[in-house]
Amino acid sequence: MRIKKFTKYTKLEVLWEDIISDCEWQDEEDVNKLKAIPAKTLGFYIKTIKRNLILGHSVLETGECDTTVIPWSVIKGINELGGKDVG
């Protein structure tokens, strides 16, 4: 996916693929069924650092926030959800 620029605190819905891991012994038939899990994260755009998208979920008036970091390489789509409510 091409890295996009957003205005700080733009509300986003990010569609991405999560990694799975399993420590059970599996035969080849079971291994052939494995695939990444689709995921969806909602948040406010904070910034892009290198190849990572940084989202904030709860943003204080001081600018502090709790965050999620998603590598652009696993992002399958991004939907803008409207205007900014923060900042």
PDB file of N, CA and C in Angstrom:
ATOM      1  N   MET A   1       0.830  -1.182   0.000  1.00  0.00           N
ATOM      2  CA  MET A   1       0.000   0.000   0.000  1.00  0.00           C
ATOM      3  C   MET A   1       0.872   1.243   0.000  1.00  0.00           C
ATOM      4  N   ARG A   2       0.483   2.213  -0.768  1.00  0.00           N
ATOM      5  CA  ARG A   2       1.190   3.488  -0.833  1.00  0.00           C
ATOM      6  C   ARG A   2       0.978   4.241   0.482  1.00  0.00           C
ATOM      7  N   ILE A   3       2.050   4.792   1.041  1.00  0.00           N
ATOM      8  CA  ILE A   3       1.950   5.529   2.292  1.00  0.00           C
ATOM      9  C   ILE A   3       1.246   6.847   2.035  1.00  0.00           C
ATOM     10  N   LYS A   4       0.159   7.100   2.804  1.00  0.00           N
ATOM     11  CA  LYS A   4      -0.633   8.305   2.635  1.00  0.00           C
ATOM     12  C   LYS A   4      -0.303   9.316   3.719  1.00  0.00           C
ATOM     13  N   LYS A   5      -0.570  10.580   3.417  1.00  0.00           N
ATOM     14  CA  LYS A   5      -0.429  11.657   4.399  1.00  0.00           C
ATOM     15  C   LYS A   5      -1.815  12.065   4.856  1.00  0.00           C
ATOM     16  N   PHE A   6      -1.989  12.236   6.145  1.00  0.00           N
ATOM     17  CA  PHE A   6      -3.242  12.697   6.714  1.00  0.00           C
ATOM     18  C   PHE A   6      -2.960  13.876   7.631  1.00  0.00           C
ATOM     19  N   THR A   7      -3.966  14.684   7.874  1.00  0.00           N
ATOM     20  CA  THR A   7      -3.865  15.760   8.842  1.00  0.00           C
ATOM     21  C   THR A   7      -3.945  15.159  10.242  1.00  0.00           C
ATOM     22  N   LYS A   8      -3.151  15.694  11.165  1.00  0.00           N
ATOM     23  CA  LYS A   8      -3.142  15.180  12.533  1.00  0.00           C
ATOM     24  C   LYS A   8      -4.552  15.166  13.099  1.00  0.00           C
ATOM     25  N   TYR A   9      -4.902  14.084  13.762  1.00  0.00           N
ATOM     26  CA  TYR A   9      -6.185  13.814  14.416  1.00  0.00           C
ATOM     27  C   TYR A   9      -7.327  13.488  13.453  1.00  0.00           C
ATOM     28  N   THR A  10      -7.022  13.237  12.184  1.00  0.00           N
ATOM     29  CA  THR A  10      -8.064  12.748  11.274  1.00  0.00           C
ATOM     30  C   THR A  10      -8.528  11.390  11.780  1.00  0.00           C
ATOM     31  N   LYS A  11      -9.849  11.182  11.841  1.00  0.00           N
ATOM     32  CA  LYS A  11     -10.390   9.899  12.305  1.00  0.00           C
ATOM     33  C   LYS A  11     -10.268   8.873  11.182  1.00  0.00           C
ATOM     34  N   LEU A  12      -9.686   7.708  11.503  1.00  0.00           N
ATOM     35  CA  LEU A  12      -9.438   6.675  10.505  1.00  0.00           C
ATOM     36  C   LEU A  12      -9.960   5.312  10.947  1.00  0.00           C
ATOM     37  N   GLU A  13     -10.358   4.525   9.967  1.00  0.00           N
ATOM     38  CA  GLU A  13     -10.614   3.099  10.134  1.00  0.00           C
ATOM     39  C   GLU A  13      -9.526   2.415   9.296  1.00  0.00           C
ATOM     40  N   VAL A  14      -8.671   1.638   9.952  1.00  0.00           N
ATOM     41  CA  VAL A  14      -7.551   0.989   9.271  1.00  0.00           C
ATOM     42  C   VAL A  14      -7.837  -0.506   9.173  1.00  0.00           C
ATOM     43  N   LEU A  15      -7.814  -1.038   7.954  1.00  0.00           N
ATOM     44  CA  LEU A  15      -8.010  -2.465   7.692  1.00  0.00           C
ATOM     45  C   LEU A  15      -6.634  -3.078   7.458  1.00  0.00           C
ATOM     46  N   TRP A  16      -6.309  -4.114   8.217  1.00  0.00           N
ATOM     47  CA  TRP A  16      -4.969  -4.689   8.137  1.00  0.00           C
ATOM     48  C   TRP A  16      -5.009  -6.175   8.435  1.00  0.00           C
ATOM     49  N   GLU A  17      -3.905  -6.850   8.152  1.00  0.00           N
ATOM     50  CA  GLU A  17      -3.797  -8.287   8.403  1.00  0.00           C
ATOM     51  C   GLU A  17      -2.876  -8.529   9.589  1.00  0.00           C
ATOM     52  N   ASP A  18      -3.398  -9.280  10.566  1.00  0.00           N
ATOM     53  CA  ASP A  18      -2.644  -9.584  11.775  1.00  0.00           C
ATOM     54  C   ASP A  18      -1.918 -10.918  11.616  1.00  0.00           C
ATOM     55  N   ILE A  19      -0.804 -11.022  12.272  1.00  0.00           N
ATOM     56  CA  ILE A  19      -0.010 -12.247  12.275  1.00  0.00           C
ATOM     57  C   ILE A  19      -0.655 -13.247  13.229  1.00  0.00           C
ATOM     58  N   ILE A  20      -0.601 -14.528  12.876  1.00  0.00           N
ATOM     59  CA  ILE A  20      -1.045 -15.564  13.805  1.00  0.00           C
ATOM     60  C   ILE A  20       0.153 -16.435  14.163  1.00  0.00           C
ATOM     61  N   SER A  21       0.051 -17.076  15.305  1.00  0.00           N
ATOM     62  CA  SER A  21       1.101 -17.981  15.758  1.00  0.00           C
ATOM     63  C   SER A  21       0.431 -19.140  16.483  1.00  0.00           C
ATOM     64  N   ASP A  22       0.989 -20.323  16.336  1.00  0.00           N
ATOM     65  CA  ASP A  22       0.420 -21.497  16.986  1.00  0.00           C
ATOM     66  C   ASP A  22       1.564 -22.431  17.372  1.00  0.00           C
ATOM     67  N   CYS A  23       1.646 -22.778  18.646  1.00  0.00           N
ATOM     68  CA  CYS A  23       2.748 -23.633  19.097  1.00  0.00           C
ATOM     69  C   CYS A  23       2.372 -25.115  19.106  1.00  0.00           C
ATOM     70  N   GLU A  24       1.207 -25.456  18.567  1.00  0.00           N
ATOM     71  CA  GLU A  24       0.780 -26.852  18.471  1.00  0.00           C
ATOM     72  C   GLU A  24       1.479 -27.536  17.296  1.00  0.00           C
ATOM     73  N   TRP A  25       1.697 -28.833  17.403  1.00  0.00           N
ATOM     74  CA  TRP A  25       2.225 -29.599  16.278  1.00  0.00           C
ATOM     75  C   TRP A  25       1.123 -29.725  15.238  1.00  0.00           C
ATOM     76  N   GLN A  26       1.468 -29.484  13.962  1.00  0.00           N
ATOM     77  CA  GLN A  26       0.469 -29.525  12.891  1.00  0.00           C
ATOM     78  C   GLN A  26       1.011 -30.302  11.705  1.00  0.00           C
ATOM     79  N   ASP A  27       0.111 -31.051  11.064  1.00  0.00           N
ATOM     80  CA  ASP A  27       0.529 -31.737   9.849  1.00  0.00           C
ATOM     81  C   ASP A  27       0.388 -30.768   8.674  1.00  0.00           C
ATOM     82  N   GLU A  28       0.856 -31.175   7.505  1.00  0.00           N
ATOM     83  CA  GLU A  28       0.869 -30.297   6.336  1.00  0.00           C
ATOM     84  C   GLU A  28      -0.537 -29.841   5.936  1.00  0.00           C
ATOM     85  N   GLU A  29      -1.526 -30.716   6.083  1.00  0.00           N
ATOM     86  CA  GLU A  29      -2.905 -30.346   5.739  1.00  0.00           C
ATOM     87  C   GLU A  29      -3.381 -29.157   6.584  1.00  0.00           C
ATOM     88  N   ASP A  30      -3.087 -29.180   7.880  1.00  0.00           N
ATOM     89  CA  ASP A  30      -3.468 -28.071   8.762  1.00  0.00           C
ATOM     90  C   ASP A  30      -2.661 -26.808   8.447  1.00  0.00           C
ATOM     91  N   VAL A  31      -1.375 -26.988   8.175  1.00  0.00           N
ATOM     92  CA  VAL A  31      -0.524 -25.838   7.850  1.00  0.00           C
ATOM     93  C   VAL A  31      -1.029 -25.138   6.587  1.00  0.00           C
ATOM     94  N   ASN A  32      -1.501 -25.901   5.600  1.00  0.00           N
ATOM     95  CA  ASN A  32      -2.000 -25.318   4.357  1.00  0.00           C
ATOM     96  C   ASN A  32      -3.252 -24.469   4.556  1.00  0.00           C
ATOM     97  N   LYS A  33      -3.928 -24.627   5.682  1.00  0.00           N
ATOM     98  CA  LYS A  33      -5.145 -23.859   5.969  1.00  0.00           C
ATOM     99  C   LYS A  33      -4.847 -22.536   6.684  1.00  0.00           C
ATOM    100  N   LEU A  34      -3.614 -22.333   7.122  1.00  0.00           N
ATOM    101  CA  LEU A  34      -3.264 -21.136   7.889  1.00  0.00           C
ATOM    102  C   LEU A  34      -3.253 -19.896   7.006  1.00  0.00           C
ATOM    103  N   LYS A  35      -3.700 -18.780   7.574  1.00  0.00           N
ATOM    104  CA  LYS A  35      -3.632 -17.494   6.872  1.00  0.00           C
ATOM    105  C   LYS A  35      -3.688 -16.375   7.897  1.00  0.00           C
ATOM    106  N   ALA A  36      -3.242 -15.210   7.499  1.00  0.00           N
ATOM    107  CA  ALA A  36      -3.299 -14.043   8.378  1.00  0.00           C
ATOM    108  C   ALA A  36      -4.758 -13.703   8.662  1.00  0.00           C
ATOM    109  N   ILE A  37      -4.996 -13.045   9.782  1.00  0.00           N
ATOM    110  CA  ILE A  37      -6.354 -12.717  10.214  1.00  0.00           C
ATOM    111  C   ILE A  37      -6.657 -11.250   9.894  1.00  0.00           C
ATOM    112  N   PRO A  38      -7.775 -10.984   9.174  1.00  0.00           N
ATOM    113  CA  PRO A  38      -8.155  -9.590   8.925  1.00  0.00           C
ATOM    114  C   PRO A  38      -8.488  -8.877  10.241  1.00  0.00           C
ATOM    115  N   ALA A  39      -8.038  -7.632  10.372  1.00  0.00           N
ATOM    116  CA  ALA A  39      -8.289  -6.841  11.577  1.00  0.00           C
ATOM    117  C   ALA A  39      -8.712  -5.437  11.176  1.00  0.00           C
ATOM    118  N   LYS A  40      -9.367  -4.749  12.113  1.00  0.00           N
ATOM    119  CA  LYS A  40      -9.814  -3.375  11.884  1.00  0.00           C
ATOM    120  C   LYS A  40      -9.513  -2.574  13.151  1.00  0.00           C
ATOM    121  N   THR A  41      -8.894  -1.407  12.985  1.00  0.00           N
ATOM    122  CA  THR A  41      -8.583  -0.534  14.111  1.00  0.00           C
ATOM    123  C   THR A  41      -9.101   0.868  13.808  1.00  0.00           C
ATOM    124  N   LEU A  42      -9.762   1.469  14.803  1.00  0.00           N
ATOM    125  CA  LEU A  42     -10.254   2.839  14.686  1.00  0.00           C
ATOM    126  C   LEU A  42      -9.375   3.741  15.537  1.00  0.00           C
ATOM    127  N   GLY A  43      -9.067   4.938  15.038  1.00  0.00           N
ATOM    128  CA  GLY A  43      -8.267   5.855  15.839  1.00  0.00           C
ATOM    129  C   GLY A  43      -8.042   7.170  15.132  1.00  0.00           C
ATOM    130  N   PHE A  44      -7.328   8.054  15.828  1.00  0.00           N
ATOM    131  CA  PHE A  44      -6.954   9.359  15.283  1.00  0.00           C
ATOM    132  C   PHE A  44      -5.543   9.271  14.718  1.00  0.00           C
ATOM    133  N   TYR A  45      -5.348   9.778  13.505  1.00  0.00           N
ATOM    134  CA  TYR A  45      -4.012   9.800  12.908  1.00  0.00           C
ATOM    135  C   TYR A  45      -3.118  10.690  13.768  1.00  0.00           C
ATOM    136  N   ILE A  46      -1.979  10.161  14.178  1.00  0.00           N
ATOM    137  CA  ILE A  46      -0.993  10.946  14.917  1.00  0.00           C
ATOM    138  C   ILE A  46       0.178  11.302  14.003  1.00  0.00           C
ATOM    139  N   LYS A  47       0.812  10.293  13.415  1.00  0.00           N
ATOM    140  CA  LYS A  47       1.922  10.549  12.487  1.00  0.00           C
ATOM    141  C   LYS A  47       2.353   9.251  11.826  1.00  0.00           C
ATOM    142  N   THR A  48       3.197   9.396  10.827  1.00  0.00           N
ATOM    143  CA  THR A  48       3.874   8.271  10.204  1.00  0.00           C
ATOM    144  C   THR A  48       5.346   8.372  10.578  1.00  0.00           C
ATOM    145  N   ILE A  49       5.885   7.299  11.136  1.00  0.00           N
ATOM    146  CA  ILE A  49       7.309   7.256  11.468  1.00  0.00           C
ATOM    147  C   ILE A  49       7.908   6.096  10.694  1.00  0.00           C
ATOM    148  N   LYS A  50       8.834   6.414   9.810  1.00  0.00           N
ATOM    149  CA  LYS A  50       9.453   5.428   8.921  1.00  0.00           C
ATOM    150  C   LYS A  50       8.356   4.692   8.166  1.00  0.00           C
ATOM    151  N   ARG A  51       8.206   3.397   8.367  1.00  0.00           N
ATOM    152  CA  ARG A  51       7.189   2.617   7.636  1.00  0.00           C
ATOM    153  C   ARG A  51       6.036   2.201   8.548  1.00  0.00           C
ATOM    154  N   ASN A  52       5.734   3.036   9.547  1.00  0.00           N
ATOM    155  CA  ASN A  52       4.690   2.718  10.521  1.00  0.00           C
ATOM    156  C   ASN A  52       3.660   3.830  10.631  1.00  0.00           C
ATOM    157  N   LEU A  53       2.397   3.449  10.710  1.00  0.00           N
ATOM    158  CA  LEU A  53       1.292   4.370  10.949  1.00  0.00           C
ATOM    159  C   LEU A  53       1.032   4.391  12.452  1.00  0.00           C
ATOM    160  N   ILE A  54       0.973   5.579  13.039  1.00  0.00           N
ATOM    161  CA  ILE A  54       0.728   5.724  14.467  1.00  0.00           C
ATOM    162  C   ILE A  54      -0.679   6.286  14.658  1.00  0.00           C
ATOM    163  N   LEU A  55      -1.524   5.552  15.388  1.00  0.00           N
ATOM    164  CA  LEU A  55      -2.877   5.995  15.711  1.00  0.00           C
ATOM    165  C   LEU A  55      -2.975   6.256  17.206  1.00  0.00           C
ATOM    166  N   GLY A  56      -3.764   7.272  17.577  1.00  0.00           N
ATOM    167  CA  GLY A  56      -4.096   7.526  18.974  1.00  0.00           C
ATOM    168  C   GLY A  56      -5.551   7.158  19.196  1.00  0.00           C
ATOM    169  N   HIS A  57      -5.872   6.695  20.378  1.00  0.00           N
ATOM    170  CA  HIS A  57      -7.249   6.272  20.660  1.00  0.00           C
ATOM    171  C   HIS A  57      -7.944   7.232  21.621  1.00  0.00           C
ATOM    172  N   SER A  58      -7.305   7.527  22.722  1.00  0.00           N
ATOM    173  CA  SER A  58      -7.787   8.557  23.642  1.00  0.00           C
ATOM    174  C   SER A  58      -6.730   9.644  23.644  1.00  0.00           C
ATOM    175  N   VAL A  59      -7.138  10.868  23.291  1.00  0.00           N
ATOM    176  CA  VAL A  59      -6.183  11.966  23.179  1.00  0.00           C
ATOM    177  C   VAL A  59      -6.534  13.034  24.204  1.00  0.00           C
ATOM    178  N   LEU A  60      -5.562  13.396  25.045  1.00  0.00           N
ATOM    179  CA  LEU A  60      -5.769  14.422  26.058  1.00  0.00           C
ATOM    180  C   LEU A  60      -5.562  15.803  25.452  1.00  0.00           C
ATOM    181  N   GLU A  61      -6.039  16.858  26.138  1.00  0.00           N
ATOM    182  CA  GLU A  61      -5.841  18.231  25.666  1.00  0.00           C
ATOM    183  C   GLU A  61      -4.367  18.574  25.562  1.00  0.00           C
ATOM    184  N   THR A  62      -3.525  17.905  26.345  1.00  0.00           N
ATOM    185  CA  THR A  62      -2.083  18.152  26.329  1.00  0.00           C
ATOM    186  C   THR A  62      -1.403  17.520  25.113  1.00  0.00           C
ATOM    187  N   GLY A  63      -2.158  16.668  24.372  1.00  0.00           N
ATOM    188  CA  GLY A  63      -1.585  15.985  23.213  1.00  0.00           C
ATOM    189  C   GLY A  63      -1.124  14.574  23.508  1.00  0.00           C
ATOM    190  N   GLU A  64      -1.089  14.193  24.787  1.00  0.00           N
ATOM    191  CA  GLU A  64      -0.717  12.822  25.129  1.00  0.00           C
ATOM    192  C   GLU A  64      -1.831  11.873  24.684  1.00  0.00           C
ATOM    193  N   CYS A  65      -1.437  10.647  24.308  1.00  0.00           N
ATOM    194  CA  CYS A  65      -2.440   9.683  23.858  1.00  0.00           C
ATOM    195  C   CYS A  65      -1.933   8.260  24.021  1.00  0.00           C
ATOM    196  N   ASP A  66      -2.892   7.324  24.047  1.00  0.00           N
ATOM    197  CA  ASP A  66      -2.531   5.907  23.970  1.00  0.00           C
ATOM    198  C   ASP A  66      -2.469   5.566  22.486  1.00  0.00           C
ATOM    199  N   THR A  67      -1.574   4.694  22.108  1.00  0.00           N
ATOM    200  CA  THR A  67      -1.288   4.524  20.688  1.00  0.00           C
ATOM    201  C   THR A  67      -1.274   3.076  20.228  1.00  0.00           C
ATOM    202  N   THR A  68      -1.455   2.918  18.921  1.00  0.00           N
ATOM    203  CA  THR A  68      -1.241   1.660  18.219  1.00  0.00           C
ATOM    204  C   THR A  68      -0.323   1.962  17.047  1.00  0.00           C
ATOM    205  N   VAL A  69       0.662   1.107  16.836  1.00  0.00           N
ATOM    206  CA  VAL A  69       1.595   1.236  15.720  1.00  0.00           C
ATOM    207  C   VAL A  69       1.316   0.095  14.746  1.00  0.00           C
ATOM    208  N   ILE A  70       1.002   0.451  13.490  1.00  0.00           N
ATOM    209  CA  ILE A  70       0.702  -0.569  12.476  1.00  0.00           C
ATOM    210  C   ILE A  70       1.671  -0.376  11.306  1.00  0.00           C
ATOM    211  N   PRO A  71       2.445  -1.404  10.956  1.00  0.00           N
ATOM    212  CA  PRO A  71       3.335  -1.290   9.797  1.00  0.00           C
ATOM    213  C   PRO A  71       2.517  -1.103   8.512  1.00  0.00           C
ATOM    214  N   TRP A  72       2.948  -0.186   7.661  1.00  0.00           N
ATOM    215  CA  TRP A  72       2.234   0.051   6.394  1.00  0.00           C
ATOM    216  C   TRP A  72       2.183  -1.216   5.545  1.00  0.00           C
ATOM    217  N   SER A  73       3.147  -2.121   5.701  1.00  0.00           N
ATOM    218  CA  SER A  73       3.201  -3.325   4.867  1.00  0.00           C
ATOM    219  C   SER A  73       2.034  -4.279   5.109  1.00  0.00           C
ATOM    220  N   VAL A  74       1.346  -4.180   6.264  1.00  0.00           N
ATOM    221  CA  VAL A  74       0.216  -5.069   6.540  1.00  0.00           C
ATOM    222  C   VAL A  74      -1.133  -4.380   6.347  1.00  0.00           C
ATOM    223  N   ILE A  75      -1.119  -3.075   6.030  1.00  0.00           N
ATOM    224  CA  ILE A  75      -2.361  -2.321   5.852  1.00  0.00           C
ATOM    225  C   ILE A  75      -2.951  -2.622   4.482  1.00  0.00           C
ATOM    226  N   LYS A  76      -4.229  -2.996   4.464  1.00  0.00           N
ATOM    227  CA  LYS A  76      -4.943  -3.325   3.226  1.00  0.00           C
ATOM    228  C   LYS A  76      -5.871  -2.210   2.778  1.00  0.00           C
ATOM    229  N   GLY A  77      -6.223  -1.299   3.666  1.00  0.00           N
ATOM    230  CA  GLY A  77      -7.096  -0.188   3.306  1.00  0.00           C
ATOM    231  C   GLY A  77      -7.260   0.777   4.464  1.00  0.00           C
ATOM    232  N   ILE A  78      -7.606   2.032   4.129  1.00  0.00           N
ATOM    233  CA  ILE A  78      -7.855   3.056   5.137  1.00  0.00           C
ATOM    234  C   ILE A  78      -9.071   3.859   4.703  1.00  0.00           C
ATOM    235  N   ASN A  79     -10.003   4.032   5.632  1.00  0.00           N
ATOM    236  CA  ASN A  79     -11.181   4.862   5.383  1.00  0.00           C
ATOM    237  C   ASN A  79     -11.142   6.047   6.335  1.00  0.00           C
ATOM    238  N   GLU A  80     -11.278   7.271   5.777  1.00  0.00           N
ATOM    239  CA  GLU A  80     -11.395   8.452   6.626  1.00  0.00           C
ATOM    240  C   GLU A  80     -12.824   8.502   7.154  1.00  0.00           C
ATOM    241  N   LEU A  81     -12.973   8.794   8.450  1.00  0.00           N
ATOM    242  CA  LEU A  81     -14.274   8.748   9.093  1.00  0.00           C
ATOM    243  C   LEU A  81     -14.871  10.119   9.369  1.00  0.00           C
ATOM    244  N   GLY A  82     -14.320  11.153   8.804  1.00  0.00           N
ATOM    245  CA  GLY A  82     -14.904  12.476   9.015  1.00  0.00           C
ATOM    246  C   GLY A  82     -13.903  13.441   9.608  1.00  0.00           C
ATOM    247  N   GLY A  83     -14.441  14.534  10.118  1.00  0.00           N
ATOM    248  CA  GLY A  83     -13.610  15.636  10.630  1.00  0.00           C
ATOM    249  C   GLY A  83     -12.875  15.299  11.903  1.00  0.00           C
ATOM    250  N   LYS A  84     -12.202  16.320  12.416  1.00  0.00           N
ATOM    251  CA  LYS A  84     -11.415  16.155  13.623  1.00  0.00           C
ATOM    252  C   LYS A  84     -12.247  16.600  14.828  1.00  0.00           C
ATOM    253  N   ASP A  85     -12.140  15.857  15.927  1.00  0.00           N
ATOM    254  CA  ASP A  85     -12.803  16.220  17.163  1.00  0.00           C
ATOM    255  C   ASP A  85     -11.788  16.643  18.218  1.00  0.00           C
ATOM    256  N   VAL A  86     -10.526  16.561  17.894  1.00  0.00           N
ATOM    257  CA  VAL A  86      -9.452  16.792  18.850  1.00  0.00           C
ATOM    258  C   VAL A  86      -8.519  17.842  18.275  1.00  0.00           C
ATOM    259  N   GLY A  87      -7.835  18.561  19.149  1.00  0.00           N
ATOM    260  CA  GLY A  87      -6.750  19.424  18.686  1.00  0.00           C
ATOM    261  C   GLY A  87      -7.069  20.836  18.469  1.00  0.00           C
TER     262      GLY A  87
END
